Amino acid sequence: MKIGIISDTHDHMDNIRKALKIFKENNVKAIIHAGDFVSPFTWRVFKDFEGEFYGVFGNNDGDRVLLKKMYGERIQPQIREFEIEGKRIALMHEPQMLEALAQSGRFDLIVYGHMHEVDIRRINNTLIINPGEACGWLYGKATVVVLDIERLEPSVISL
């Protein structure tokens, strides 16, 4: 099963559309969003995705009440814990206690955002992924990650 990992979309609707196109082309069945949607109107694009959607609030998400109304339980406060295909996942925006969580051995995958730069590494048996910024506003390089969840093999894709 393939998972689409995205973060820091910051209202860049064109790049959200590009990401969804890439996810569809790669047969992605679930999206993990590591926060900073920013505005509730991003739901206008994400609602077309037919699979599962897991997100957390970021530090720039302004109208959390309306975001929650639009996305429902798809967006939750961080740190969010869930499972996909038997893989234990921690999802956060800011890298709170990232190394400690990885060293705990409780998670197969930890996804975070906030830094706007790609970070893919392992600590013991835990894969850590920051997909970089989907918006491209800060560093000018818009990226997402497609992850084979069974093998925990990530691919960084430029938008």
C-alpha atoms as a PDB file:
ATOM      1  CA  MET A   1       0.000   0.000   0.000  1.00  0.00           C
ATOM      2  CA  LYS A   2       1.238   3.490  -0.818  1.00  0.00           C
ATOM      3  CA  ILE A   3       0.855   6.513   1.442  1.00  0.00           C
ATOM      4  CA  GLY A   4       1.154  10.157   0.378  1.00  0.00           C
ATOM      5  CA  ILE A   5       2.963  12.351   2.900  1.00  0.00           C
ATOM      6  CA  ILE A   6       2.604  16.114   2.683  1.00  0.00           C
ATOM      7  CA  SER A   7       3.191  19.097   4.944  1.00  0.00           C
ATOM      8  CA  ASP A   8       3.224  22.867   5.007  1.00  0.00           C
ATOM      9  CA  THR A   9       0.809  23.415   2.133  1.00  0.00           C
ATOM     10  CA  HIS A  10       0.201  27.012   3.313  1.00  0.00           C
ATOM     11  CA  ASP A  11      -2.798  27.570   1.029  1.00  0.00           C
ATOM     12  CA  HIS A  12      -0.873  26.826  -2.183  1.00  0.00           C
ATOM     13  CA  MET A  13      -3.884  25.406  -3.998  1.00  0.00           C
ATOM     14  CA  ASP A  14      -2.032  24.699  -7.259  1.00  0.00           C
ATOM     15  CA  ASN A  15       0.592  22.626  -5.444  1.00  0.00           C
ATOM     16  CA  ILE A  16      -2.077  20.784  -3.477  1.00  0.00           C
ATOM     17  CA  ARG A  17      -3.674  19.860  -6.815  1.00  0.00           C
ATOM     18  CA  LYS A  18      -0.276  18.752  -8.160  1.00  0.00           C
ATOM     19  CA  ALA A  19       0.297  16.628  -5.046  1.00  0.00           C
ATOM     20  CA  LEU A  20      -3.094  14.950  -5.379  1.00  0.00           C
ATOM     21  CA  LYS A  21      -2.376  14.210  -9.038  1.00  0.00           C
ATOM     22  CA  ILE A  22       0.946  12.596  -8.075  1.00  0.00           C
ATOM     23  CA  PHE A  23      -0.753  10.622  -5.309  1.00  0.00           C
ATOM     24  CA  LYS A  24      -3.404   9.371  -7.723  1.00  0.00           C
ATOM     25  CA  GLU A  25      -0.761   8.405 -10.318  1.00  0.00           C
ATOM     26  CA  ASN A  26       1.054   6.436  -7.602  1.00  0.00           C
ATOM     27  CA  ASN A  27      -2.114   4.679  -6.404  1.00  0.00           C
ATOM     28  CA  VAL A  28      -1.897   6.280  -2.943  1.00  0.00           C
ATOM     29  CA  LYS A  29      -4.584   4.964  -0.575  1.00  0.00           C
ATOM     30  CA  ALA A  30      -4.012   7.328   2.381  1.00  0.00           C
ATOM     31  CA  ILE A  31      -2.662  10.830   2.888  1.00  0.00           C
ATOM     32  CA  ILE A  32      -0.759  11.963   5.960  1.00  0.00           C
ATOM     33  CA  HIS A  33      -0.625  15.767   6.338  1.00  0.00           C
ATOM     34  CA  ALA A  34       1.816  17.093   8.943  1.00  0.00           C
ATOM     35  CA  GLY A  35       0.123  20.449   9.424  1.00  0.00           C
ATOM     36  CA  ASP A  36       0.067  24.055   8.286  1.00  0.00           C
ATOM     37  CA  PHE A  37      -2.908  23.758   5.976  1.00  0.00           C
ATOM     38  CA  VAL A  38      -3.462  27.423   6.988  1.00  0.00           C
ATOM     39  CA  SER A  39      -7.005  28.091   5.686  1.00  0.00           C
ATOM     40  CA  PRO A  40     -10.131  25.941   5.693  1.00  0.00           C
ATOM     41  CA  PHE A  41     -10.632  26.430   1.941  1.00  0.00           C
ATOM     42  CA  THR A  42      -7.841  23.894   1.299  1.00  0.00           C
ATOM     43  CA  TRP A  43     -10.568  21.312   1.919  1.00  0.00           C
ATOM     44  CA  ARG A  44     -12.022  22.246  -1.483  1.00  0.00           C
ATOM     45  CA  VAL A  45      -9.135  20.350  -3.080  1.00  0.00           C
ATOM     46  CA  PHE A  46      -8.409  17.641  -0.495  1.00  0.00           C
ATOM     47  CA  LYS A  47     -12.069  16.547  -0.385  1.00  0.00           C
ATOM     48  CA  ASP A  48     -11.656  14.976  -3.827  1.00  0.00           C
ATOM     49  CA  PHE A  49      -9.204  12.405  -2.443  1.00  0.00           C
ATOM     50  CA  GLU A  50     -11.042   9.094  -2.061  1.00  0.00           C
ATOM     51  CA  GLY A  51      -8.790   7.386   0.499  1.00  0.00           C
ATOM     52  CA  GLU A  52      -8.062   7.858   4.183  1.00  0.00           C
ATOM     53  CA  PHE A  53      -6.743  11.219   5.410  1.00  0.00           C
ATOM     54  CA  TYR A  54      -4.779  11.831   8.615  1.00  0.00           C
ATOM     55  CA  GLY A  55      -3.726  15.334   9.615  1.00  0.00           C
ATOM     56  CA  VAL A  56      -2.621  17.462  12.540  1.00  0.00           C
ATOM     57  CA  PHE A  57      -2.807  21.161  13.194  1.00  0.00           C
ATOM     58  CA  GLY A  58       0.314  23.227  12.580  1.00  0.00           C
ATOM     59  CA  ASN A  59       1.454  26.490  14.110  1.00  0.00           C
ATOM     60  CA  ASN A  60       0.100  28.564  11.185  1.00  0.00           C
ATOM     61  CA  ASP A  61      -3.364  27.031  11.047  1.00  0.00           C
ATOM     62  CA  GLY A  62      -5.484  30.089  11.739  1.00  0.00           C
ATOM     63  CA  ASP A  63      -9.157  29.236  11.884  1.00  0.00           C
ATOM     64  CA  ARG A  64      -8.987  25.900  13.665  1.00  0.00           C
ATOM     65  CA  VAL A  65     -12.727  25.891  14.346  1.00  0.00           C
ATOM     66  CA  LEU A  66     -13.603  26.069  10.653  1.00  0.00           C
ATOM     67  CA  LEU A  67     -10.728  23.744   9.691  1.00  0.00           C
ATOM     68  CA  LYS A  68     -12.170  21.181  12.113  1.00  0.00           C
ATOM     69  CA  LYS A  69     -15.662  21.744  10.716  1.00  0.00           C
ATOM     70  CA  MET A  70     -14.471  21.183   7.135  1.00  0.00           C
ATOM     71  CA  TYR A  71     -12.033  18.299   7.745  1.00  0.00           C
ATOM     72  CA  GLY A  72     -13.836  16.694  10.696  1.00  0.00           C
ATOM     73  CA  GLU A  73     -11.825  14.054  12.529  1.00  0.00           C
ATOM     74  CA  ARG A  74      -9.267  14.027   9.726  1.00  0.00           C
ATOM     75  CA  ILE A  75      -7.400  16.817  11.546  1.00  0.00           C
ATOM     76  CA  GLN A  76      -6.504  16.409  15.206  1.00  0.00           C
ATOM     77  CA  PRO A  77      -4.145  18.026  17.700  1.00  0.00           C
ATOM     78  CA  GLN A  78      -0.581  16.765  17.759  1.00  0.00           C
ATOM     79  CA  ILE A  79       0.933  14.344  18.645  1.00  0.00           C
ATOM     80  CA  ARG A  80      -1.441  11.995  16.838  1.00  0.00           C
ATOM     81  CA  GLU A  81      -0.978   8.230  17.019  1.00  0.00           C
ATOM     82  CA  PHE A  82      -2.592   5.757  14.621  1.00  0.00           C
ATOM     83  CA  GLU A  83      -1.931   2.615  12.583  1.00  0.00           C
ATOM     84  CA  ILE A  84      -1.953   1.908   8.861  1.00  0.00           C
ATOM     85  CA  GLU A  85      -1.463  -1.662   7.646  1.00  0.00           C
ATOM     86  CA  GLY A  86      -0.147  -2.638  11.081  1.00  0.00           C
ATOM     87  CA  LYS A  87       2.511   0.107  11.132  1.00  0.00           C
ATOM     88  CA  ARG A  88       2.449   2.288  14.239  1.00  0.00           C
ATOM     89  CA  ILE A  89       2.646   5.964  13.276  1.00  0.00           C
ATOM     90  CA  ALA A  90       3.211   9.190  15.215  1.00  0.00           C
ATOM     91  CA  LEU A  91       2.246  12.401  13.425  1.00  0.00           C
ATOM     92  CA  MET A  92       3.190  15.891  14.535  1.00  0.00           C
ATOM     93  CA  HIS A  93       3.872  19.287  13.057  1.00  0.00           C
ATOM     94  CA  GLU A  94       6.751  20.535  15.170  1.00  0.00           C
ATOM     95  CA  PRO A  95       9.410  17.928  15.951  1.00  0.00           C
ATOM     96  CA  GLN A  96       8.544  17.615  19.634  1.00  0.00           C
ATOM     97  CA  MET A  97      10.785  15.055  21.299  1.00  0.00           C
ATOM     98  CA  LEU A  98      11.408  13.501  17.891  1.00  0.00           C
ATOM     99  CA  GLU A  99      14.532  11.556  18.823  1.00  0.00           C
ATOM    100  CA  ALA A 100      13.066  10.350  22.127  1.00  0.00           C
ATOM    101  CA  LEU A 101       9.918   9.102  20.379  1.00  0.00           C
ATOM    102  CA  ALA A 102      12.018   7.282  17.779  1.00  0.00           C
ATOM    103  CA  GLN A 103      14.294   5.742  20.405  1.00  0.00           C
ATOM    104  CA  SER A 104      11.286   4.533  22.385  1.00  0.00           C
ATOM    105  CA  GLY A 105      10.662   1.793  19.830  1.00  0.00           C
ATOM    106  CA  ARG A 106       6.900   2.439  19.963  1.00  0.00           C
ATOM    107  CA  PHE A 107       6.634   3.636  16.361  1.00  0.00           C
ATOM    108  CA  ASP A 108       7.528   2.273  12.961  1.00  0.00           C
ATOM    109  CA  LEU A 109       7.107   5.705  11.380  1.00  0.00           C
ATOM    110  CA  ILE A 110       7.230   9.279  12.655  1.00  0.00           C
ATOM    111  CA  VAL A 111       6.063  12.064  10.337  1.00  0.00           C
ATOM    112  CA  TYR A 112       6.608  15.732  11.053  1.00  0.00           C
ATOM    113  CA  GLY A 113       6.670  19.077   9.224  1.00  0.00           C
ATOM    114  CA  HIS A 114       7.370  22.669  10.270  1.00  0.00           C
ATOM    115  CA  MET A 115      11.017  22.812   9.140  1.00  0.00           C
ATOM    116  CA  HIS A 116      10.159  23.103   5.412  1.00  0.00           C
ATOM    117  CA  GLU A 117      13.062  20.801   4.500  1.00  0.00           C
ATOM    118  CA  VAL A 118      13.116  17.129   3.564  1.00  0.00           C
ATOM    119  CA  ASP A 119      14.390  14.890   6.351  1.00  0.00           C
ATOM    120  CA  ILE A 120      14.413  11.132   5.866  1.00  0.00           C
ATOM    121  CA  ARG A 121      16.393   9.044   8.328  1.00  0.00           C
ATOM    122  CA  ARG A 122      16.195   6.130  10.699  1.00  0.00           C
ATOM    123  CA  ILE A 123      16.737   5.955  14.405  1.00  0.00           C
ATOM    124  CA  ASN A 124      16.974   2.285  15.315  1.00  0.00           C
ATOM    125  CA  ASN A 125      13.920   0.685  13.673  1.00  0.00           C
ATOM    126  CA  THR A 126      11.920   3.900  13.322  1.00  0.00           C
ATOM    127  CA  LEU A 127      11.699   5.715  10.007  1.00  0.00           C
ATOM    128  CA  ILE A 128      11.457   9.512  10.342  1.00  0.00           C
ATOM    129  CA  ILE A 129      10.032  11.563   7.479  1.00  0.00           C
ATOM    130  CA  ASN A 130       9.610  15.272   6.956  1.00  0.00           C
ATOM    131  CA  PRO A 131       8.354  15.609   3.362  1.00  0.00           C
ATOM    132  CA  GLY A 132       9.549  19.203   3.104  1.00  0.00           C
ATOM    133  CA  GLU A 133       7.304  22.065   2.107  1.00  0.00           C
ATOM    134  CA  ALA A 134       4.555  21.419  -0.397  1.00  0.00           C
ATOM    135  CA  CYS A 135       4.048  25.159  -0.798  1.00  0.00           C
ATOM    136  CA  GLY A 136       7.595  25.984  -1.865  1.00  0.00           C
ATOM    137  CA  TRP A 137       7.255  29.433  -0.290  1.00  0.00           C
ATOM    138  CA  LEU A 138      10.251  29.334   2.040  1.00  0.00           C
ATOM    139  CA  TYR A 139      12.990  27.514   0.128  1.00  0.00           C
ATOM    140  CA  GLY A 140      11.513  27.421  -3.368  1.00  0.00           C
ATOM    141  CA  LYS A 141      11.471  23.628  -3.540  1.00  0.00           C
ATOM    142  CA  ALA A 142       8.030  22.057  -3.260  1.00  0.00           C
ATOM    143  CA  THR A 143       8.077  18.345  -2.381  1.00  0.00           C
ATOM    144  CA  VAL A 144       5.953  15.459  -1.156  1.00  0.00           C
ATOM    145  CA  VAL A 145       6.797  11.866  -0.277  1.00  0.00           C
ATOM    146  CA  VAL A 146       5.210   8.666  -1.526  1.00  0.00           C
ATOM    147  CA  LEU A 147       5.833   5.857   0.933  1.00  0.00           C
ATOM    148  CA  ASP A 148       5.497   2.122   0.410  1.00  0.00           C
ATOM    149  CA  ILE A 149       4.104   1.436   3.883  1.00  0.00           C
ATOM    150  CA  GLU A 150       4.822  -2.297   3.839  1.00  0.00           C
ATOM    151  CA  ARG A 151       8.529  -1.924   3.094  1.00  0.00           C
ATOM    152  CA  LEU A 152       8.845   1.562   4.619  1.00  0.00           C
ATOM    153  CA  GLU A 153      10.525   2.792   1.421  1.00  0.00           C
ATOM    154  CA  PRO A 154      10.040   6.524   0.779  1.00  0.00           C
ATOM    155  CA  SER A 155      10.375   8.426  -2.509  1.00  0.00           C
ATOM    156  CA  VAL A 156      10.704  12.224  -2.530  1.00  0.00           C
ATOM    157  CA  ILE A 157       8.845  13.801  -5.447  1.00  0.00           C
ATOM    158  CA  SER A 158       9.120  17.429  -6.557  1.00  0.00           C
ATOM    159  CA  LEU A 159       5.908  19.245  -7.426  1.00  0.00           C
END
